[in-house]
Amino acid sequence: MKLIPTCYYCGVVKGPSPLKELKPGEDPPKEGVLDMVPCPGCEKLMADGILIIEVADGETDPVNPKRTGRRVVISEESAKQILDLKDVKNNRATYMEQQYFKLFYKVESKNEKDN
């Protein structure tokens, strides 16, 4: 079975889709993560700062948690202080549960309005 490659970080389809190669009667491929290489969009976000990916509350799967689709980028310095990330050069993305992401996002949005 062929997989449609998706970005580990955001879930968008990466590369060409094998759908056009389907033969009559063949099951369509499913989407799946083939590697941890970010798509061009996530790669740019990670170059700008640390990517925070919102996941469902109570999600415990450290490898493939259920993502909500919301993301935000913060500076390396903020990540070191707020998220206690020690190795920001190699750790460019992290997960945050929805309940905390909402609080964090409100604070960030308020700070942007104040400036």
Protein backbone atom coordinates (compact mmCIF):
# COMPACT_ATOMS: atom_id res chain seq x y z
CA MET A 1 0.00 0.00 0.00
CA LYS A 2 1.25 3.44 -0.89
CA LEU A 3 1.16 6.32 1.56
CA ILE A 4 0.51 9.96 0.85
CA PRO A 5 3.43 11.61 2.69
CA THR A 6 2.39 14.24 5.24
CA CYS A 7 4.34 16.68 7.40
CA TYR A 8 4.92 15.36 10.92
CA TYR A 9 4.43 18.85 12.36
CA CYS A 10 1.34 20.23 10.61
CA GLY A 11 -0.15 17.31 8.67
CA VAL A 12 -0.16 18.88 5.22
CA VAL A 13 0.62 16.67 2.23
CA LYS A 14 4.30 16.77 1.21
CA GLY A 15 5.34 16.00 -2.32
CA PRO A 16 3.34 14.48 -5.14
CA SER A 17 0.27 12.42 -4.36
CA PRO A 18 0.26 8.80 -5.57
CA LEU A 19 -3.51 9.03 -6.27
CA LYS A 20 -2.94 9.45 -10.01
CA GLU A 21 -1.10 6.12 -10.06
CA LEU A 22 -4.14 4.15 -8.81
CA LYS A 23 -5.28 1.25 -10.90
CA PRO A 24 -8.98 0.40 -11.20
CA GLY A 25 -10.19 -1.46 -8.11
CA GLU A 26 -7.10 -0.54 -6.08
CA ASP A 27 -7.66 0.90 -2.59
CA PRO A 28 -6.69 4.55 -2.31
CA PRO A 29 -3.58 5.27 -0.25
CA LYS A 30 -3.80 6.63 3.27
CA GLU A 31 -1.99 9.66 4.54
CA GLY A 32 1.01 8.99 6.73
CA VAL A 33 4.16 10.47 8.15
CA LEU A 34 7.25 8.98 6.52
CA ASP A 35 9.91 11.10 8.25
CA MET A 36 10.41 14.03 10.62
CA VAL A 37 11.57 16.39 7.88
CA PRO A 38 9.31 19.47 8.04
CA CYS A 39 7.36 20.74 5.05
CA PRO A 40 8.61 24.07 3.60
CA GLY A 41 6.04 26.02 5.66
CA CYS A 42 7.04 24.45 8.98
CA GLU A 43 10.72 24.72 8.06
CA LYS A 44 10.32 28.48 7.64
CA LEU A 45 8.43 28.80 10.93
CA MET A 46 11.16 26.83 12.73
CA ALA A 47 13.81 29.11 11.21
CA ASP A 48 11.95 32.09 12.71
CA GLY A 49 11.63 30.61 16.21
CA ILE A 50 10.22 27.69 18.17
CA LEU A 51 7.05 26.14 16.76
CA ILE A 52 4.38 25.35 19.35
CA ILE A 53 1.79 22.87 18.11
CA GLU A 54 -1.55 22.68 19.91
CA VAL A 55 -2.72 19.16 20.74
CA ALA A 56 -5.94 17.84 22.28
CA ASP A 57 -6.28 18.03 26.06
CA GLY A 58 -5.23 14.84 27.79
CA GLU A 59 -3.25 13.63 24.79
CA THR A 60 -0.49 11.32 26.00
CA ASP A 61 1.05 9.96 22.80
CA PRO A 62 4.53 11.56 22.71
CA VAL A 63 5.19 10.46 19.13
CA ASN A 64 1.96 11.28 17.32
CA PRO A 65 -0.49 13.24 19.48
CA LYS A 66 -3.81 14.43 18.06
CA ARG A 67 -3.16 17.89 16.69
CA THR A 68 -5.84 20.59 16.59
CA GLY A 69 -4.30 22.45 13.66
CA ARG A 70 -3.32 25.60 15.55
CA ARG A 71 0.32 26.61 15.76
CA VAL A 72 2.28 29.61 16.95
CA VAL A 73 5.96 30.58 16.80
CA ILE A 74 7.82 32.17 19.71
CA SER A 75 11.38 33.42 19.97
CA GLU A 76 14.17 31.15 21.17
CA GLU A 77 14.64 33.34 24.25
CA SER A 78 10.95 33.08 25.18
CA ALA A 79 11.04 29.32 24.67
CA LYS A 80 14.00 29.00 27.04
CA GLN A 81 12.16 30.97 29.73
CA ILE A 82 8.55 29.83 29.28
CA LEU A 83 8.93 26.25 28.08
CA ASP A 84 12.18 25.33 29.80
CA LEU A 85 13.68 24.18 26.51
CA LYS A 86 17.40 23.77 26.95
CA ASP A 87 18.45 22.81 23.42
CA VAL A 88 16.62 25.29 21.18
CA LYS A 89 19.11 24.84 18.34
CA ASN A 90 18.07 21.20 17.82
CA ASN A 91 14.58 21.26 19.35
CA ARG A 92 12.61 23.57 17.04
CA ALA A 93 9.09 22.33 17.82
CA THR A 94 7.08 21.26 20.85
CA TYR A 95 3.54 20.26 21.73
CA MET A 96 1.20 22.12 24.07
CA GLU A 97 -2.20 20.90 25.28
CA GLN A 98 -5.20 22.94 24.17
CA GLN A 99 -6.04 24.25 27.67
CA TYR A 100 -2.55 25.75 28.05
CA PHE A 101 -2.29 26.87 24.44
CA LYS A 102 -5.46 28.96 24.86
CA LEU A 103 -4.02 30.71 27.93
CA PHE A 104 -0.65 31.20 26.28
CA TYR A 105 -2.22 32.52 23.09
CA LYS A 106 -4.36 35.03 25.00
CA VAL A 107 -1.27 36.41 26.74
CA GLU A 108 0.65 36.65 23.47
CA SER A 109 -2.31 38.34 21.70
CA LYS A 110 -2.73 40.85 24.53
CA ASN A 111 0.99 41.71 24.43
CA GLU A 112 0.77 42.33 20.68
CA LYS A 113 -2.17 44.74 21.19
CA ASP A 114 -0.27 46.63 23.89
CA ASN A 115 2.64 47.31 21.51
